[in-house]
Amino acid sequence: MGRRETARAIEGHAAAQAAQHRDEADLAAIARAEEAMRAESLSLEPDLPRAVELNKTFHFAVYEAAHSPILVEIIRALWLKAGPVINLDLRANPERLAKGDAIRFHAEVRRAIAAGDGAAASAGIEADISGAANFILSRGGLAG
């Protein structure tokens, strides 16, 4: 299993756990993060570094809602490797933000967690991660 598959599996599991263990404070944090990312993405001139940070904020609001410190620790280690690549790629390819896949997946994950639907939360996170990775690969990796 490669890094991308590992990240999808672990982050998907964390999202499923979030759907089962979240509380009202978690739901509020996820909602704030999802709304902020959506607003930035839909802006006529989005601030790309801010969008990258808001994306991370959303994901970690989800992962923290799993109430599993070890899962969050593992995911932080994975993000240390993948985060810079996504950051650089988004700055070089802002159309990825405009396309709207991330905000659609984030909204689906938010709804699934609120509904307690672990399978849908996991599927949404996995689709979001796959979408970003596939976009980077379709462009031949990072833009030079």
C-alpha atoms as a PDB file:
ATOM      1  CA  MET A   1       0.000   0.000   0.000  1.00  0.00           C
ATOM      2  CA  GLY A   2       1.475   3.331  -1.082  1.00  0.00           C
ATOM      3  CA  ARG A   3       1.362   6.641   0.759  1.00  0.00           C
ATOM      4  CA  ARG A   4      -1.764   7.830  -1.068  1.00  0.00           C
ATOM      5  CA  GLU A   5      -3.694   4.631  -0.321  1.00  0.00           C
ATOM      6  CA  THR A   6      -2.530   4.709   3.302  1.00  0.00           C
ATOM      7  CA  ALA A   7      -3.664   8.309   3.699  1.00  0.00           C
ATOM      8  CA  ARG A   8      -7.050   7.537   2.160  1.00  0.00           C
ATOM      9  CA  ALA A   9      -7.556   4.543   4.436  1.00  0.00           C
ATOM     10  CA  ILE A  10      -6.487   6.264   7.655  1.00  0.00           C
ATOM     11  CA  GLU A  11      -8.201   9.593   6.960  1.00  0.00           C
ATOM     12  CA  GLY A  12     -11.342   7.804   5.788  1.00  0.00           C
ATOM     13  CA  HIS A  13     -11.344   5.776   9.005  1.00  0.00           C
ATOM     14  CA  ALA A  14     -10.956   8.962  11.048  1.00  0.00           C
ATOM     15  CA  ALA A  15     -13.920  10.539   9.239  1.00  0.00           C
ATOM     16  CA  ALA A  16     -16.030   7.438   9.923  1.00  0.00           C
ATOM     17  CA  GLN A  17     -15.045   7.610  13.592  1.00  0.00           C
ATOM     18  CA  ALA A  18     -15.934  11.316  13.645  1.00  0.00           C
ATOM     19  CA  ALA A  19     -19.454  10.462  12.483  1.00  0.00           C
ATOM     20  CA  GLN A  20     -19.800   8.129  15.460  1.00  0.00           C
ATOM     21  CA  HIS A  21     -18.068  10.161  18.176  1.00  0.00           C
ATOM     22  CA  ARG A  22     -18.607  13.835  17.306  1.00  0.00           C
ATOM     23  CA  ASP A  23     -20.260  16.220  19.709  1.00  0.00           C
ATOM     24  CA  GLU A  24     -21.941  19.591  19.207  1.00  0.00           C
ATOM     25  CA  ALA A  25     -18.650  21.499  19.489  1.00  0.00           C
ATOM     26  CA  ASP A  26     -17.139  19.267  16.793  1.00  0.00           C
ATOM     27  CA  LEU A  27     -20.123  19.812  14.495  1.00  0.00           C
ATOM     28  CA  ALA A  28     -19.787  23.576  14.968  1.00  0.00           C
ATOM     29  CA  ALA A  29     -16.031  23.504  14.207  1.00  0.00           C
ATOM     30  CA  ILE A  30     -16.594  21.385  11.085  1.00  0.00           C
ATOM     31  CA  ALA A  31     -19.372  23.714   9.927  1.00  0.00           C
ATOM     32  CA  ARG A  32     -17.222  26.844  10.435  1.00  0.00           C
ATOM     33  CA  ALA A  33     -14.319  25.292   8.562  1.00  0.00           C
ATOM     34  CA  GLU A  34     -16.486  24.042   5.694  1.00  0.00           C
ATOM     35  CA  GLU A  35     -18.209  27.419   5.317  1.00  0.00           C
ATOM     36  CA  ALA A  36     -14.896  29.333   5.363  1.00  0.00           C
ATOM     37  CA  MET A  37     -13.353  27.058   2.725  1.00  0.00           C
ATOM     38  CA  ARG A  38     -16.453  27.338   0.536  1.00  0.00           C
ATOM     39  CA  ALA A  39     -16.488  31.146   0.801  1.00  0.00           C
ATOM     40  CA  GLU A  40     -12.798  31.408  -0.119  1.00  0.00           C
ATOM     41  CA  SER A  41     -13.169  28.945  -3.001  1.00  0.00           C
ATOM     42  CA  LEU A  42     -16.125  30.841  -4.463  1.00  0.00           C
ATOM     43  CA  SER A  43     -14.428  34.227  -4.175  1.00  0.00           C
ATOM     44  CA  LEU A  44     -13.722  35.981  -7.480  1.00  0.00           C
ATOM     45  CA  GLU A  45     -10.055  36.219  -6.481  1.00  0.00           C
ATOM     46  CA  PRO A  46      -9.400  33.522  -3.891  1.00  0.00           C
ATOM     47  CA  ASP A  47      -6.374  33.822  -1.640  1.00  0.00           C
ATOM     48  CA  LEU A  48      -4.671  30.541  -2.513  1.00  0.00           C
ATOM     49  CA  PRO A  49      -2.444  30.230   0.580  1.00  0.00           C
ATOM     50  CA  ARG A  50      -5.506  30.938   2.731  1.00  0.00           C
ATOM     51  CA  ALA A  51      -7.503  28.301   0.820  1.00  0.00           C
ATOM     52  CA  VAL A  52      -4.763  25.741   1.495  1.00  0.00           C
ATOM     53  CA  GLU A  53      -4.878  26.574   5.210  1.00  0.00           C
ATOM     54  CA  LEU A  54      -8.693  26.453   5.275  1.00  0.00           C
ATOM     55  CA  ASN A  55      -8.630  23.056   3.580  1.00  0.00           C
ATOM     56  CA  LYS A  56      -6.294  21.775   6.279  1.00  0.00           C
ATOM     57  CA  THR A  57      -8.477  23.350   8.995  1.00  0.00           C
ATOM     58  CA  PHE A  58     -11.527  21.532   7.642  1.00  0.00           C
ATOM     59  CA  HIS A  59      -9.782  18.177   7.456  1.00  0.00           C
ATOM     60  CA  PHE A  60      -8.394  18.451  10.961  1.00  0.00           C
ATOM     61  CA  ALA A  61     -11.751  19.572  12.382  1.00  0.00           C
ATOM     62  CA  VAL A  62     -13.083  16.279  11.008  1.00  0.00           C
ATOM     63  CA  TYR A  63     -10.172  14.233  12.347  1.00  0.00           C
ATOM     64  CA  GLU A  64     -10.298  15.848  15.796  1.00  0.00           C
ATOM     65  CA  ALA A  65     -14.004  14.921  15.967  1.00  0.00           C
ATOM     66  CA  ALA A  66     -12.979  11.255  15.970  1.00  0.00           C
ATOM     67  CA  HIS A  67     -11.689  11.862  19.517  1.00  0.00           C
ATOM     68  CA  SER A  68      -8.662   9.638  18.843  1.00  0.00           C
ATOM     69  CA  PRO A  69      -5.380  11.405  19.558  1.00  0.00           C
ATOM     70  CA  ILE A  70      -3.357   8.584  17.992  1.00  0.00           C
ATOM     71  CA  LEU A  71      -5.277   8.860  14.712  1.00  0.00           C
ATOM     72  CA  VAL A  72      -4.715  12.620  14.634  1.00  0.00           C
ATOM     73  CA  GLU A  73      -1.002  12.120  15.344  1.00  0.00           C
ATOM     74  CA  ILE A  74      -0.672   9.630  12.475  1.00  0.00           C
ATOM     75  CA  ILE A  75      -2.578  11.914  10.098  1.00  0.00           C
ATOM     76  CA  ARG A  76      -0.436  14.930  11.054  1.00  0.00           C
ATOM     77  CA  ALA A  77       2.660  12.906  10.121  1.00  0.00           C
ATOM     78  CA  LEU A  78       1.089  12.028   6.749  1.00  0.00           C
ATOM     79  CA  TRP A  79       0.181  15.681   6.124  1.00  0.00           C
ATOM     80  CA  LEU A  80       3.754  16.787   6.819  1.00  0.00           C
ATOM     81  CA  LYS A  81       4.726  14.803   3.726  1.00  0.00           C
ATOM     82  CA  ALA A  82       1.743  15.626   1.477  1.00  0.00           C
ATOM     83  CA  GLY A  83       0.894  19.163   2.593  1.00  0.00           C
ATOM     84  CA  PRO A  84       3.766  20.985   0.861  1.00  0.00           C
ATOM     85  CA  VAL A  85       3.028  19.209  -2.433  1.00  0.00           C
ATOM     86  CA  ILE A  86      -0.659  20.167  -2.314  1.00  0.00           C
ATOM     87  CA  ASN A  87       0.241  23.737  -1.311  1.00  0.00           C
ATOM     88  CA  LEU A  88       2.686  24.188  -4.197  1.00  0.00           C
ATOM     89  CA  ASP A  89       0.359  22.524  -6.676  1.00  0.00           C
ATOM     90  CA  LEU A  90      -2.638  24.639  -5.703  1.00  0.00           C
ATOM     91  CA  ARG A  91      -0.604  27.826  -6.124  1.00  0.00           C
ATOM     92  CA  ALA A  92       0.509  26.662  -9.575  1.00  0.00           C
ATOM     93  CA  ASN A  93      -2.927  25.315 -10.599  1.00  0.00           C
ATOM     94  CA  PRO A  94      -5.644  27.548  -9.107  1.00  0.00           C
ATOM     95  CA  GLU A  95      -8.255  26.044 -11.444  1.00  0.00           C
ATOM     96  CA  ARG A  96      -8.369  23.111  -9.026  1.00  0.00           C
ATOM     97  CA  LEU A  97      -9.941  25.422  -6.460  1.00  0.00           C
ATOM     98  CA  ALA A  98     -12.338  26.950  -8.993  1.00  0.00           C
ATOM     99  CA  LYS A  99     -13.487  23.492 -10.165  1.00  0.00           C
ATOM    100  CA  GLY A 100     -15.224  23.049  -6.826  1.00  0.00           C
ATOM    101  CA  ASP A 101     -14.630  19.352  -6.144  1.00  0.00           C
ATOM    102  CA  ALA A 102     -13.127  19.983  -2.707  1.00  0.00           C
ATOM    103  CA  ILE A 103     -16.027  22.144  -1.558  1.00  0.00           C
ATOM    104  CA  ARG A 104     -18.510  19.559  -2.815  1.00  0.00           C
ATOM    105  CA  PHE A 105     -16.711  16.743  -1.000  1.00  0.00           C
ATOM    106  CA  HIS A 106     -16.361  18.857   2.148  1.00  0.00           C
ATOM    107  CA  ALA A 107     -20.097  19.584   2.165  1.00  0.00           C
ATOM    108  CA  GLU A 108     -20.852  15.867   1.749  1.00  0.00           C
ATOM    109  CA  VAL A 109     -18.522  14.986   4.629  1.00  0.00           C
ATOM    110  CA  ARG A 110     -20.074  17.660   6.842  1.00  0.00           C
ATOM    111  CA  ARG A 111     -23.591  16.320   6.167  1.00  0.00           C
ATOM    112  CA  ALA A 112     -22.515  12.709   6.693  1.00  0.00           C
ATOM    113  CA  ILE A 113     -20.870  13.443  10.039  1.00  0.00           C
ATOM    114  CA  ALA A 114     -23.874  15.441  11.220  1.00  0.00           C
ATOM    115  CA  ALA A 115     -26.107  12.496  10.241  1.00  0.00           C
ATOM    116  CA  GLY A 116     -23.851   9.956  11.961  1.00  0.00           C
ATOM    117  CA  ASP A 117     -23.180   8.210   8.629  1.00  0.00           C
ATOM    118  CA  GLY A 118     -19.651   6.868   8.967  1.00  0.00           C
ATOM    119  CA  ALA A 119     -19.575   5.150   5.580  1.00  0.00           C
ATOM    120  CA  ALA A 120     -20.543   8.348   3.739  1.00  0.00           C
ATOM    121  CA  ALA A 121     -18.087  10.445   5.776  1.00  0.00           C
ATOM    122  CA  SER A 122     -15.289   8.030   4.946  1.00  0.00           C
ATOM    123  CA  ALA A 123     -16.245   7.921   1.265  1.00  0.00           C
ATOM    124  CA  GLY A 124     -16.296  11.724   1.065  1.00  0.00           C
ATOM    125  CA  ILE A 125     -12.858  12.145   2.625  1.00  0.00           C
ATOM    126  CA  GLU A 126     -11.429   9.375   0.459  1.00  0.00           C
ATOM    127  CA  ALA A 127     -12.904  10.986  -2.672  1.00  0.00           C
ATOM    128  CA  ASP A 128     -11.481  14.374  -1.686  1.00  0.00           C
ATOM    129  CA  ILE A 129      -7.992  12.923  -1.192  1.00  0.00           C
ATOM    130  CA  SER A 130      -8.215  10.910  -4.421  1.00  0.00           C
ATOM    131  CA  GLY A 131      -9.436  13.919  -6.360  1.00  0.00           C
ATOM    132  CA  ALA A 132      -6.493  16.057  -5.276  1.00  0.00           C
ATOM    133  CA  ALA A 133      -3.969  13.283  -5.922  1.00  0.00           C
ATOM    134  CA  ASN A 134      -5.456  12.439  -9.313  1.00  0.00           C
ATOM    135  CA  PHE A 135      -5.399  16.097 -10.332  1.00  0.00           C
ATOM    136  CA  ILE A 136      -1.712  16.369  -9.438  1.00  0.00           C
ATOM    137  CA  LEU A 137      -0.929  13.160 -11.343  1.00  0.00           C
ATOM    138  CA  SER A 138      -2.997  14.239 -14.366  1.00  0.00           C
ATOM    139  CA  ARG A 139      -0.876  17.363 -14.599  1.00  0.00           C
ATOM    140  CA  GLY A 140       2.313  15.304 -14.599  1.00  0.00           C
ATOM    141  CA  GLY A 141       3.088  16.110 -10.974  1.00  0.00           C
ATOM    142  CA  LEU A 142       3.959  19.560  -9.769  1.00  0.00           C
ATOM    143  CA  ALA A 143       4.007  22.397 -12.247  1.00  0.00           C
ATOM    144  CA  GLY A 144       7.514  23.698 -12.793  1.00  0.00           C
END
